[in-house]
Protein backbone atom coordinates (compact mmCIF):
# COMPACT_ATOMS: atom_id res chain seq x y z
CA MET A 1 56.11 239.18 -48.58
CA THR A 2 57.39 242.71 -48.07
CA ALA A 3 55.60 245.85 -49.24
CA GLY A 4 58.22 246.40 -51.98
CA GLN A 5 57.73 242.89 -53.37
CA LEU A 6 53.96 243.38 -53.34
CA ARG A 7 54.31 246.61 -55.41
CA ASP A 8 56.54 244.83 -57.94
CA ARG A 9 54.08 241.98 -58.38
CA THR A 10 51.20 244.40 -58.78
CA ALA A 11 53.14 246.36 -61.40
CA ASP A 12 53.67 243.13 -63.36
CA GLY A 13 49.94 242.37 -63.24
CA LEU A 14 50.28 239.85 -60.47
CA GLY A 15 48.08 240.50 -57.51
CA PRO A 16 48.54 238.93 -54.17
CA GLY A 17 46.62 235.80 -55.29
CA ALA A 18 47.74 235.70 -58.94
CA GLU A 19 50.17 233.26 -60.53
CA PRO A 20 52.96 233.97 -63.04
CA ALA A 21 52.16 233.55 -66.69
CA ASP A 22 54.57 230.64 -67.09
CA GLY A 23 52.72 228.68 -64.42
CA HIS A 24 55.70 228.60 -62.11
CA VAL A 25 54.70 229.06 -58.52
CA PRO A 26 57.49 230.50 -56.38
CA SER A 27 58.43 228.56 -53.31
CA VAL A 28 56.95 229.92 -50.13
CA PRO A 29 58.52 229.16 -46.78
CA PRO A 30 56.30 226.96 -44.66
CA ALA A 31 54.08 228.71 -42.17
CA PHE A 32 55.14 228.77 -38.59
CA ASP A 33 53.56 225.96 -36.65
CA PRO A 34 53.12 226.89 -32.99
CA GLY A 35 52.75 223.23 -32.09
CA ALA A 36 56.07 222.26 -33.61
CA ARG A 37 58.82 221.74 -31.08
CA PRO A 38 62.50 221.16 -31.68
CA PRO A 39 63.92 217.96 -30.27
CA SER A 40 65.03 217.99 -26.66
CA ARG A 41 68.73 217.50 -27.31
CA PRO A 42 69.23 220.64 -29.47
CA VAL A 43 67.21 222.71 -26.98
CA ALA A 44 69.29 221.46 -24.08
CA ARG A 45 72.44 222.19 -26.07
CA HIS A 46 71.24 225.72 -26.80
CA VAL A 47 70.44 226.36 -23.12
CA VAL A 48 73.90 225.19 -22.08
CA ALA A 49 75.50 227.27 -24.83
CA LEU A 50 73.52 230.29 -23.62
CA LYS A 51 74.74 229.75 -20.07
CA VAL A 52 78.33 229.50 -21.28
CA ARG A 53 77.99 232.62 -23.41
CA LEU A 54 76.51 234.64 -20.54
CA LEU A 55 79.29 233.47 -18.25
CA VAL A 56 81.97 234.42 -20.77
CA ASN A 57 80.38 237.82 -21.39
CA ALA A 58 80.23 238.54 -17.66
CA LEU A 59 83.90 237.67 -17.27
CA THR A 60 85.14 239.60 -20.29
CA ARG A 61 83.35 242.69 -19.02
CA SER A 62 85.82 242.97 -16.15
CA VAL A 63 89.39 241.74 -15.88
CA TRP A 64 89.07 241.59 -12.10
CA GLN A 65 86.05 239.29 -12.36
CA MET A 66 88.02 236.95 -14.59
CA ILE A 67 90.97 236.97 -12.18
CA ALA A 68 88.65 236.34 -9.25
CA LEU A 69 87.03 233.38 -11.04
CA VAL A 70 90.39 231.90 -12.00
CA LEU A 71 91.67 232.25 -8.44
CA SER A 72 88.51 230.75 -6.94
CA PHE A 73 88.69 227.87 -9.41
CA VAL A 74 92.36 227.28 -8.61
CA TYR A 75 91.63 227.32 -4.89
CA GLY A 76 88.71 224.98 -5.46
CA LEU A 77 90.88 222.58 -7.44
CA ALA A 78 93.49 222.68 -4.70
CA ALA A 79 90.85 221.91 -2.05
CA VAL A 80 89.39 219.07 -4.12
CA GLY A 81 92.84 217.64 -4.78
CA LEU A 82 93.71 217.79 -1.09
CA LEU A 83 90.46 216.05 -0.11
CA LEU A 84 90.92 213.31 -2.68
CA PHE A 85 94.54 212.77 -1.64
CA ALA A 86 93.53 212.45 2.02
CA LEU A 87 90.72 210.11 1.00
CA ALA A 88 93.10 207.91 -1.01
CA VAL A 89 95.56 207.69 1.89
CA LEU A 90 92.76 206.86 4.32
CA ALA A 91 91.34 204.24 1.95
CA ARG A 92 94.69 202.47 1.90
CA ARG A 93 94.91 202.41 5.71
CA ASP A 94 91.27 201.90 6.69
CA PRO A 95 88.83 201.29 3.78
CA ALA A 96 85.79 201.07 6.07
CA LEU A 97 86.49 204.47 7.64
CA ALA A 98 87.13 205.99 4.20
CA ALA A 99 83.80 204.63 2.96
CA SER A 100 82.04 206.15 5.97
CA TRP A 101 83.58 209.54 5.29
CA VAL A 102 82.48 209.31 1.64
CA VAL A 103 78.87 208.77 2.71
CA VAL A 104 78.97 211.53 5.33
CA GLY A 105 80.75 214.00 3.05
CA GLY A 106 78.51 213.13 0.10
CA ALA A 107 75.39 213.76 2.17
CA ALA A 108 76.82 217.12 3.24
CA LEU A 109 77.56 217.97 -0.41
CA VAL A 110 73.98 217.21 -1.45
CA ALA A 111 72.66 219.28 1.46
CA ALA A 112 74.85 222.19 0.39
CA TRP A 113 73.49 222.03 -3.17
CA TRP A 114 69.93 222.02 -1.84
CA VAL A 115 70.23 224.65 0.89
CA VAL A 116 72.82 227.22 -0.19
CA PRO A 117 70.91 228.50 -3.28
CA LEU A 118 67.90 229.20 -1.05
CA VAL A 119 69.75 231.54 1.29
CA ALA A 120 72.64 232.80 -0.86
CA PHE A 121 70.69 235.31 -2.93
CA GLY A 122 73.61 236.17 -5.15
CA VAL A 123 73.85 232.75 -6.80
CA ASP A 124 73.85 232.67 -10.56
CA SER A 125 70.31 232.72 -12.01
CA THR A 126 71.11 233.99 -15.50
CA VAL A 127 69.41 230.94 -17.01
CA SER A 128 66.20 229.96 -15.22
CA ALA A 129 62.68 228.85 -15.98
CA GLU A 130 61.33 232.35 -15.36
CA ARG A 131 63.69 233.83 -17.95
CA LEU A 132 62.93 231.14 -20.55
CA ARG A 133 59.16 231.14 -20.16
CA LEU A 134 58.60 233.39 -23.19
CA PHE A 135 60.11 230.82 -25.58
CA GLY A 136 57.32 228.27 -25.09
CA LEU A 137 59.66 225.34 -24.41
CA ARG A 138 58.36 222.01 -23.27
CA ARG A 139 58.98 220.89 -19.73
CA ARG A 140 61.23 218.06 -20.89
CA ASP A 141 63.37 220.52 -22.83
CA LEU A 142 63.62 222.81 -19.82
CA VAL A 143 64.53 219.97 -17.45
CA LEU A 144 67.33 218.69 -19.67
CA GLY A 145 68.62 222.15 -20.55
CA LEU A 146 68.51 223.65 -17.05
CA GLY A 147 69.87 220.47 -15.51
CA ALA A 148 72.89 220.46 -17.81
CA ALA A 149 73.34 224.23 -17.40
CA GLY A 150 73.49 223.72 -13.62
CA LEU A 151 76.89 222.07 -14.06
CA VAL A 152 78.31 225.05 -15.96
CA GLY A 153 80.52 227.04 -13.66
CA ALA A 154 83.04 226.42 -10.91
CA PRO A 155 80.64 224.72 -8.42
CA GLY A 156 79.38 222.23 -11.01
CA VAL A 157 82.83 221.38 -12.36
CA LEU A 158 84.35 220.99 -8.91
CA THR A 159 81.43 218.81 -7.81
CA VAL A 160 81.86 216.50 -10.78
CA LEU A 161 85.59 216.21 -10.11
CA LEU A 162 85.03 215.55 -6.43
CA VAL A 163 82.34 212.91 -7.02
CA ALA A 164 84.34 211.19 -9.74
CA GLY A 165 87.51 211.26 -7.67
CA SER A 166 85.79 209.78 -4.61
CA THR A 167 85.56 206.47 -6.48
CA VAL A 168 89.25 206.02 -5.64
CA VAL A 169 88.04 204.50 -2.38
CA TRP A 170 86.77 201.44 -4.27
CA ARG A 171 89.79 200.82 -6.49
CA ALA A 172 90.63 197.62 -4.60
CA ASP A 173 87.08 196.24 -4.92
CA PRO A 174 85.95 195.77 -8.56
CA ALA A 175 82.33 195.12 -7.65
CA ALA A 176 82.09 198.24 -5.50
CA LEU A 177 83.86 200.27 -8.21
CA VAL A 178 81.34 199.14 -10.83
CA ALA A 179 78.49 200.12 -8.50
CA ALA A 180 80.16 203.44 -7.67
CA LEU A 181 80.07 204.72 -11.26
CA PRO A 182 76.27 204.84 -11.74
CA ALA A 183 75.92 205.86 -8.08
CA ALA A 184 78.17 208.85 -8.77
CA VAL A 185 76.00 209.89 -11.72
CA LEU A 186 72.94 209.50 -9.52
CA ALA A 187 74.54 211.60 -6.78
CA VAL A 188 75.42 214.44 -9.16
CA ALA A 189 71.90 214.38 -10.63
CA THR A 190 70.44 214.51 -7.11
CA CYS A 191 72.58 217.57 -6.34
CA VAL A 192 71.64 219.51 -9.47
CA VAL A 193 67.99 218.48 -9.74
CA GLY A 194 67.42 219.04 -6.04
CA SER A 195 68.93 222.51 -6.26
CA ARG A 196 66.73 223.42 -9.23
CA THR A 197 63.65 221.88 -7.64
CA TRP A 198 63.76 223.77 -4.38
CA THR A 199 64.70 227.09 -5.97
CA THR A 200 61.84 226.72 -8.49
CA LEU A 201 59.23 225.69 -5.94
CA LEU A 202 60.26 228.34 -3.41
CA ALA A 203 60.84 231.12 -5.94
CA PRO A 204 57.75 233.12 -4.79
CA ALA A 205 58.73 232.78 -1.13
CA ARG A 206 62.38 233.65 -1.78
CA SER A 207 61.33 237.11 -2.96
CA ALA A 208 59.76 237.84 0.43
CA ARG A 209 61.76 239.76 3.00
CA ARG A 210 60.74 237.43 5.84
CA PHE A 211 62.03 234.38 3.99
CA ARG A 212 65.38 236.05 3.39
CA ASP A 213 65.78 237.01 7.03
CA SER A 214 64.78 233.51 8.15
CA GLY A 215 67.19 231.98 5.65
CA VAL A 216 70.08 233.98 7.06
CA LEU A 217 69.22 232.85 10.58
CA VAL A 218 68.95 229.20 9.50
CA LEU A 219 72.32 229.37 7.75
CA LEU A 220 73.96 230.82 10.84
CA VAL A 221 72.43 228.14 13.06
CA LEU A 222 73.60 225.41 10.67
CA ALA A 223 77.10 226.89 10.66
CA ALA A 224 77.11 226.97 14.45
CA VAL A 225 75.93 223.36 14.65
CA ALA A 226 78.42 222.18 12.03
CA VAL A 227 81.43 223.24 14.10
CA PRO A 228 80.67 221.12 17.18
CA ALA A 229 79.53 218.31 14.88
CA ALA A 230 82.89 218.40 13.11
CA GLY A 231 84.69 218.33 16.46
CA TRP A 232 82.55 215.36 17.51
CA LEU A 233 83.49 213.53 14.32
CA VAL A 234 87.24 214.03 14.61
CA PRO A 235 88.73 210.54 15.07
CA ARG A 236 89.79 210.16 18.68
CA SER A 237 89.53 207.12 20.89
CA THR A 238 86.05 206.27 19.59
CA GLY A 239 86.04 208.49 16.51
CA THR A 240 85.72 205.63 14.01
CA VAL A 241 82.59 204.26 15.66
CA GLN A 242 80.95 207.71 15.61
CA VAL A 243 81.65 208.28 11.91
CA GLU A 244 80.46 204.82 10.92
CA ARG A 245 77.26 205.24 12.94
CA LEU A 246 76.56 208.59 11.28
CA ALA A 247 77.33 207.10 7.85
CA GLU A 248 74.91 204.25 8.53
CA LEU A 249 72.15 206.71 9.36
CA ALA A 250 72.94 209.03 6.43
CA GLY A 251 72.95 206.10 4.01
CA TRP A 252 69.22 205.60 4.49
CA THR A 253 68.32 209.26 3.93
CA PRO A 254 67.64 211.04 0.63
CA LEU A 255 70.92 212.90 1.05
CA GLY A 256 73.25 209.92 1.37
CA ALA A 257 71.45 206.96 -0.20
CA ALA A 258 73.31 207.13 -3.52
CA TRP A 259 76.67 207.43 -1.77
CA ALA A 260 76.01 204.37 0.39
CA VAL A 261 75.36 201.99 -2.53
CA PRO A 262 79.02 201.08 -3.25
CA ALA A 263 79.72 200.87 0.48
CA ALA A 264 76.99 198.25 0.84
CA VAL A 265 78.33 196.33 -2.17
CA ALA A 266 81.81 196.36 -0.64
CA THR A 267 80.44 194.61 2.46
CA ASP A 268 78.51 192.07 0.34
CA ASP A 269 75.21 193.57 1.49
CA LEU A 270 73.52 193.30 -1.89
CA ALA A 271 70.02 193.65 -0.45
CA GLY A 272 71.04 196.81 1.36
CA ALA A 273 72.70 198.15 -1.78
CA ALA A 274 69.55 197.49 -3.82
CA ALA A 275 67.39 199.15 -1.15
CA ARG A 276 69.61 202.22 -1.02
CA ALA A 277 69.71 202.42 -4.81
CA GLY A 278 65.92 202.25 -4.83
CA ILE A 279 65.73 205.09 -2.32
CA ALA A 280 68.12 207.19 -4.41
CA VAL A 281 66.20 206.57 -7.65
CA ALA A 282 62.88 207.27 -5.92
CA VAL A 283 64.23 210.51 -4.46
CA LEU A 284 65.44 211.64 -7.88
CA ALA A 285 62.08 210.75 -9.43
CA VAL A 286 60.21 212.71 -6.76
CA LEU A 287 62.51 215.68 -7.26
CA VAL A 288 61.96 215.62 -11.01
CA GLY A 289 58.20 215.43 -10.48
CA LEU A 290 58.26 218.37 -8.09
CA TRP A 291 60.47 220.28 -10.50
CA LEU A 292 58.04 219.67 -13.37
CA ARG A 293 55.20 220.91 -11.19
CA GLY A 294 57.20 224.00 -10.33
CA LEU A 295 57.98 224.60 -14.00
CA ASP A 296 54.26 224.44 -14.83
CA ARG A 297 53.57 227.11 -12.23
CA ALA A 298 56.50 229.23 -13.38
CA ALA A 299 55.32 229.01 -16.99
CA VAL A 300 51.90 230.51 -16.21
CA GLY A 301 52.75 232.70 -13.23
CA PRO A 302 53.48 236.43 -13.36
CA ALA A 303 56.86 237.54 -14.58
CA PRO A 304 59.35 238.32 -11.82
CA SER A 305 59.36 241.97 -10.90
CA THR A 306 62.64 243.85 -10.72
CA ALA A 307 61.16 246.86 -9.00
CA ARG A 308 62.30 247.48 -5.51
CA ARG A 309 59.68 247.50 -2.83
CA PRO A 310 59.07 250.79 -1.07
CA GLY A 311 60.49 251.10 2.33
CA ALA A 312 63.59 249.01 1.66
CA HIS A 313 66.95 250.39 2.58
CA GLY A 314 68.01 252.34 -0.50
CA SER A 315 64.64 253.98 -1.12
CA THR A 316 62.84 256.80 0.60
CA ALA A 317 61.69 255.83 4.05
CA ARG A 318 57.99 255.27 4.56
CA ARG A 319 57.92 257.24 7.74
CA GLY A 320 59.43 260.49 8.75
CA GLY A 321 59.70 263.78 6.95
CA GLY A 322 62.45 265.51 5.09
CA LEU A 323 64.78 264.29 2.42
CA LEU A 324 66.88 262.35 4.88
CA GLY A 325 63.87 260.41 6.17
CA GLY A 326 65.32 260.07 9.66
CA ARG A 327 62.97 262.24 11.64
CA GLY A 328 60.30 260.56 13.71
CA MET A 329 61.81 257.07 13.57
CA LEU A 330 63.01 257.17 17.17
CA GLY A 331 61.22 258.26 20.27
CA GLY A 332 60.77 261.96 20.94
CA PRO A 333 63.09 262.17 23.97
CA VAL A 334 65.85 260.26 22.16
CA GLU A 335 65.63 262.51 19.12
CA ARG A 336 65.67 265.65 21.25
CA LEU A 337 68.76 264.38 23.07
CA LEU A 338 70.51 263.62 19.77
CA ASP A 339 69.50 267.03 18.43
CA ARG A 340 71.13 268.79 21.37
CA VAL A 341 74.32 266.74 21.28
CA LEU A 342 74.85 266.28 17.53
CA GLY A 343 72.72 268.89 15.82
CA VAL A 344 69.57 268.37 13.77
CA GLN A 345 71.28 267.15 10.60
CA ALA A 346 73.60 264.64 12.25
CA SER A 347 70.74 263.52 14.50
CA ALA A 348 68.56 262.76 11.44
CA VAL A 349 71.36 260.71 9.88
CA ALA A 350 71.96 258.82 13.13
CA ALA A 351 68.23 258.11 13.54
CA ARG A 352 67.97 256.65 10.06
CA CYS A 353 71.14 254.59 10.48
CA LEU A 354 69.82 253.17 13.74
CA THR A 355 66.76 251.90 11.89
CA TYR A 356 69.09 250.17 9.44
CA TRP A 357 70.83 248.41 12.31
CA ARG A 358 67.44 247.29 13.57
CA ARG A 359 65.75 246.25 10.29
CA ASP A 360 68.27 245.74 7.49
CA PRO A 361 69.49 242.09 7.20
CA ARG A 362 72.85 243.24 5.85
CA TYR A 363 73.58 245.05 9.12
CA LEU A 364 71.89 242.38 11.21
CA GLY A 365 74.12 239.77 9.57
CA ALA A 366 77.17 241.25 11.31
CA LEU A 367 75.35 241.21 14.65
CA ALA A 368 73.98 237.69 14.15
CA VAL A 369 77.47 236.24 13.77
CA VAL A 370 78.67 237.68 17.08
CA PRO A 371 77.00 235.13 19.45
CA PHE A 372 78.60 232.22 17.58
CA LEU A 373 82.17 233.49 17.87
CA PRO A 374 82.67 232.40 21.51
CA LEU A 375 81.11 229.02 20.74
CA VAL A 376 83.42 228.32 17.82
CA LEU A 377 86.53 229.42 19.72
CA ALA A 378 85.48 227.42 22.78
CA LEU A 379 85.64 224.24 20.70
CA LEU A 380 89.24 225.06 19.73
CA ASP A 381 90.30 226.21 23.17
CA ARG A 382 92.78 224.18 25.23
CA GLY A 383 90.58 224.44 28.29
CA ASP A 384 91.95 227.56 29.99
CA GLY A 385 89.61 229.96 28.15
CA GLY A 386 92.42 232.04 26.69
CA LEU A 387 91.40 231.50 23.08
CA VAL A 388 87.76 232.34 23.85
CA LEU A 389 88.85 235.84 24.86
CA VAL A 390 89.71 236.50 21.20
CA ALA A 391 85.98 236.54 20.45
CA CYS A 392 85.70 239.94 22.15
CA PRO A 393 87.95 241.96 19.80
CA LEU A 394 86.63 239.98 16.82
CA ALA A 395 83.06 240.99 17.67
CA ALA A 396 84.15 244.62 18.07
CA PHE A 397 85.88 244.51 14.70
CA LEU A 398 82.83 243.04 12.93
CA VAL A 399 80.54 245.78 14.21
CA GLY A 400 83.04 248.60 13.69
CA TRP A 401 84.00 247.64 10.14
CA THR A 402 80.41 247.25 8.95
CA ILE A 403 80.00 250.97 8.24
CA SER A 404 82.99 250.92 5.88
CA ALA A 405 80.36 250.15 3.22
CA ASP A 406 77.71 252.55 4.51
CA VAL A 407 77.54 254.62 1.31
CA ALA A 408 77.38 251.48 -0.82
CA TYR A 409 74.63 250.12 1.44
CA ASP A 410 72.66 253.36 0.95
CA HIS A 411 72.60 252.65 -2.78
CA SER A 412 70.20 254.98 -4.61
CA ALA A 413 69.14 256.66 -1.34
CA PHE A 414 72.53 258.35 -1.17
CA TRP A 415 71.21 260.97 -3.57
CA ALA A 416 69.09 262.29 -0.67
CA HIS A 417 72.21 263.43 1.16
CA LEU A 418 73.46 265.30 -1.87
CA GLY A 419 70.02 266.65 -2.74
CA ALA A 420 69.63 268.03 0.76
CA GLY A 421 73.04 269.70 0.56
CA LEU A 422 74.21 267.76 3.58
CA PRO A 423 77.82 268.60 4.54
CA GLY A 424 80.33 265.90 5.30
CA ARG A 425 80.52 266.48 9.05
CA PRO A 426 76.88 265.62 9.96
CA ASP A 427 76.92 262.70 7.51
CA ARG A 428 80.06 261.12 8.99
CA LEU A 429 79.13 262.03 12.56
CA GLY A 430 75.60 260.63 12.35
CA ARG A 431 76.74 257.33 10.88
CA ALA A 432 79.57 256.91 13.39
CA VAL A 433 77.36 257.76 16.37
CA ALA A 434 74.70 255.26 15.30
CA ALA A 435 77.27 252.48 14.92
CA THR A 436 78.82 253.43 18.28
CA LEU A 437 75.45 253.27 20.04
CA VAL A 438 75.06 249.75 18.66
CA GLY A 439 78.67 248.60 18.99
CA LEU A 440 79.40 249.58 22.57
CA PRO A 441 76.53 247.55 24.13
CA VAL A 442 77.35 244.58 21.89
CA ALA A 443 81.04 244.70 22.82
CA ALA A 444 80.20 245.08 26.51
CA ALA A 445 77.80 242.11 26.40
CA VAL A 446 80.35 239.89 24.66
CA VAL A 447 83.17 240.88 27.03
CA LEU A 448 81.10 240.27 30.14
CA GLY A 449 79.66 237.02 28.79
CA VAL A 450 83.04 235.61 27.76
CA VAL A 451 84.78 236.64 30.98
CA ALA A 452 81.96 235.23 33.08
CA SER A 453 81.86 231.93 31.18
CA THR A 454 85.63 231.44 31.38
CA GLY A 455 85.98 232.75 34.93
CA ARG A 456 88.91 235.00 33.93
CA TRP A 457 87.73 238.10 35.77
CA GLN A 458 91.34 239.23 36.21
CA ASP A 459 91.48 239.85 32.44
CA LEU A 460 88.30 241.94 32.28
CA ALA A 461 90.02 245.33 32.06
CA ALA A 462 92.57 244.20 29.47
CA VAL A 463 90.00 242.51 27.23
CA ALA A 464 87.65 245.47 27.53
CA GLY A 465 90.44 247.88 26.60
CA ILE A 466 91.41 245.88 23.51
CA SER A 467 87.78 245.52 22.40
CA VAL A 468 86.84 249.17 22.91
CA GLY A 469 90.03 250.35 21.23
CA ILE A 470 89.44 248.14 18.17
CA LEU A 471 85.77 249.15 17.97
CA LEU A 472 86.40 252.90 18.11
CA THR A 473 89.44 252.72 15.82
CA ALA A 474 87.54 250.62 13.29
CA LEU A 475 84.68 253.14 13.31
CA GLY A 476 87.12 255.98 12.66
CA ILE A 477 88.86 254.19 9.77
CA SER A 478 85.51 253.06 8.35
CA SER A 479 84.34 256.68 8.30
CA VAL A 480 87.23 257.46 5.98
CA VAL A 481 87.02 254.31 3.87
CA SER A 482 83.30 254.64 3.13
CA ALA A 483 83.84 258.26 2.01
CA ARG A 484 86.67 257.29 -0.32
CA PHE A 485 85.81 253.86 -1.74
CA VAL A 486 82.61 252.23 -2.96
CA TYR A 487 82.76 248.50 -3.57
CA PRO A 488 79.98 246.05 -4.53
CA VAL A 489 77.80 244.97 -1.61
CA PRO A 490 74.46 243.12 -1.37
CA ARG A 491 71.78 245.35 -2.83
CA PRO A 492 68.93 246.80 -0.73
CA GLY A 493 66.52 244.04 0.21
CA ASP A 494 69.04 241.25 -0.48
CA GLY A 495 70.48 238.92 2.12
CA PRO A 496 73.86 239.55 3.73
CA PHE A 497 75.31 236.47 2.00
CA SER A 498 74.46 237.41 -1.55
CA SER A 499 77.28 237.62 -4.08
CA PRO A 500 77.27 240.96 -5.91
CA GLN A 501 79.07 241.38 -9.19
CA GLY A 502 82.18 243.50 -9.09
CA SER A 503 85.95 243.65 -8.93
CA ALA A 504 86.27 241.38 -5.92
CA VAL A 505 90.08 241.24 -5.95
CA ALA A 506 90.52 245.02 -6.06
CA ASP A 507 87.90 245.50 -3.33
CA LEU A 508 89.55 242.88 -1.15
CA ALA A 509 92.87 244.67 -1.57
CA THR A 510 91.20 247.93 -0.49
CA GLN A 511 89.74 246.35 2.61
CA ALA A 512 93.00 244.58 3.41
CA GLY A 513 94.72 247.96 3.36
CA GLY A 514 92.17 249.31 5.81
CA TRP A 515 92.67 246.32 8.08
CA ALA A 516 96.43 246.88 8.03
CA VAL A 517 95.93 250.50 9.11
CA LEU A 518 93.55 249.33 11.84
CA VAL A 519 96.12 246.88 13.21
CA LEU A 520 98.79 249.58 13.19
CA LEU A 521 96.66 252.18 14.97
CA ALA A 522 95.27 249.76 17.56
CA LEU A 523 98.65 248.15 18.23
CA PRO A 524 99.42 250.01 21.53
CA GLU A 525 96.34 248.88 23.45
CA VAL A 526 96.44 245.42 21.86
CA ALA A 527 100.09 244.88 22.79
CA VAL A 528 99.61 246.10 26.36
CA GLY A 529 96.41 244.08 26.74
CA VAL A 530 98.02 240.87 25.49
CA VAL A 531 100.94 241.30 27.85
CA ALA A 532 98.48 241.94 30.70
CA VAL A 533 96.55 238.74 29.92
CA VAL A 534 99.70 236.61 29.59
CA SER A 535 101.38 237.99 32.72
CA GLY A 536 98.23 238.41 34.79
CA SER A 537 99.13 242.02 35.63
CA ALA A 538 96.13 244.03 36.80
CA GLU A 539 98.02 247.31 36.37
CA LEU A 540 98.75 246.62 32.71
CA GLY A 541 95.13 245.61 32.25
CA TRP A 542 93.89 248.98 33.45
CA LEU A 543 96.54 250.66 31.32
CA ALA A 544 95.19 248.76 28.29
CA LEU A 545 91.69 249.94 29.13
CA GLY A 546 92.86 253.55 29.34
CA LEU A 547 94.74 253.26 26.06
CA GLY A 548 91.76 251.65 24.37
CA VAL A 549 89.37 254.39 25.44
CA GLY A 550 91.82 257.25 24.89
CA LEU A 551 93.49 256.23 21.64
CA GLY A 552 90.31 254.68 20.28
CA GLY A 553 88.37 257.85 21.00
CA PHE A 554 91.10 259.93 19.35
CA TRP A 555 91.06 257.87 16.17
CA TRP A 556 87.24 257.92 16.22
CA VAL A 557 87.21 261.73 16.19
CA ALA A 558 90.07 261.96 13.70
CA GLY A 559 88.38 259.48 11.38
CA VAL A 560 85.10 261.39 11.43
CA ARG A 561 86.88 264.67 10.62
CA ILE A 562 89.05 263.23 7.87
CA GLY A 563 86.08 261.34 6.46
CA ALA A 564 84.03 264.55 6.43
CA ALA A 565 86.72 266.35 4.43
CA VAL A 566 86.96 263.46 1.98
CA TYR A 567 83.17 263.35 1.71
CA ASP A 568 82.94 267.08 0.90
CA HIS A 569 85.57 266.64 -1.80
CA ARG A 570 84.25 263.41 -3.34
CA ALA A 571 80.48 263.40 -2.79
CA PRO A 572 79.54 263.67 -6.51
CA GLU A 573 82.04 260.93 -7.41
CA LEU A 574 80.62 258.74 -4.67
CA LEU A 575 77.12 259.09 -6.09
CA GLN A 576 78.43 258.26 -9.56
CA GLN A 577 80.14 255.12 -8.27
CA VAL A 578 77.04 254.03 -6.36
CA VAL A 579 74.87 254.44 -9.45
CA ALA A 580 77.43 252.61 -11.60
CA SER A 581 77.35 249.62 -9.23
CA ARG A 582 73.58 249.17 -9.57
């Protein structure tokens, strides 16, 4: 009853506990019962509807986000269609081999659902147990709602299509097809429930910096192992035996048990099919139990904090004095040397940027990929080592292009440069020098390692010239790009593989334009170096080295100067764009 209604009743001689003269008692809405719970199905429906609404709102906020989602979905559909077509053709020629690939690929799909959300810190978490804890929902309601919401989005839809389409392998065997339908449902449930279980249980650890850094390293190691594993599985003289052996092993694991059920039925191994189905059901039951336990802890635990921890890249440094926070982070002799060569302001910027290269996982991500480049290319090489040499300029490009997002990586700490009245020249110079001090040793190590492993010492000068030229040219272009454009990047403290929100298509177009300019400017040393490698000319190799150092150094200096002028002209706009991308 509102205050106005209470005054009206009092004026009529009816107090709060009085009844009307005619004996009619007005209907009063029933009191709220905290113990009352809506049925599970409506709650699950509401959670799914909430996920859909949040997804639609996020897309309608930006046209580029909608275009990016549509393109990614179209590409995903094309990939799924291609896989299913290849699977159908293989099933017609060799049903046993097709069944083995279904088990192996299904186990890999389940592993991706379980592992990727733990290390990809930009995955969608708009609807989670932590966000729904204030509504007092029962665990059963949360499990059904969050499980169904996990299928909302491109990954869930594509997974359902892929799992449903994989049953085409069993179209010639009615018994296996009948067994494949519930097995497919069980496989999808294992993917979604497993993903939710591990993310819920490891939610406290995922917020720790050490876990994020370890997750990045594990993902890189898995990627490096997957490439030789894929080459080992390519059907050659004994390829079929290898795939079938791996499928047999995967079929008895939690990852592939559900996928192996129809394969066992197709071979009339009913006992094996029942055993694998039992393993799959038991795994799902254990995952649900662990998920319920994690939901209990999430329901009573502290609310997730959105505050950034001090000392992360993007906040004021914990050590060092001054607004720029770069002083005192390096040794005294190193800082004095940088002061003499660069000046105090540029030296402070370089010192702080060097700490980013040493401690920030977003910078370390670019360095961590470098050792795997020669390994991947070696698996594709014809045996003469020529393709492995490409790893050298690729590594130089990765390091040199990293600082194209330096201002975006600074995030809210970029205000310190403006607050200190820092001109463009020391800002651009300090960042470029820091990246050069990191990039040159990395490029030299890769060049020497690749040349030594392939035995192509005659190509050392040419490969070094191409790599140095690309590195220095990329640093010069990046100095201009980061002063002109700010695009979404992983936020301070996030992993290098997180997925920030933003206009991905427009940002990709911007970077593609920078890459085109890089190719054009580095074309002389690249062309001469390639000709030197193909012809075996030592003279052209040394010419490529001279061009790489000379032209690369020229574009390095030109990029720093142009970037400084752009920075002086656009510094306030840069800060506004950085703040808007928070």
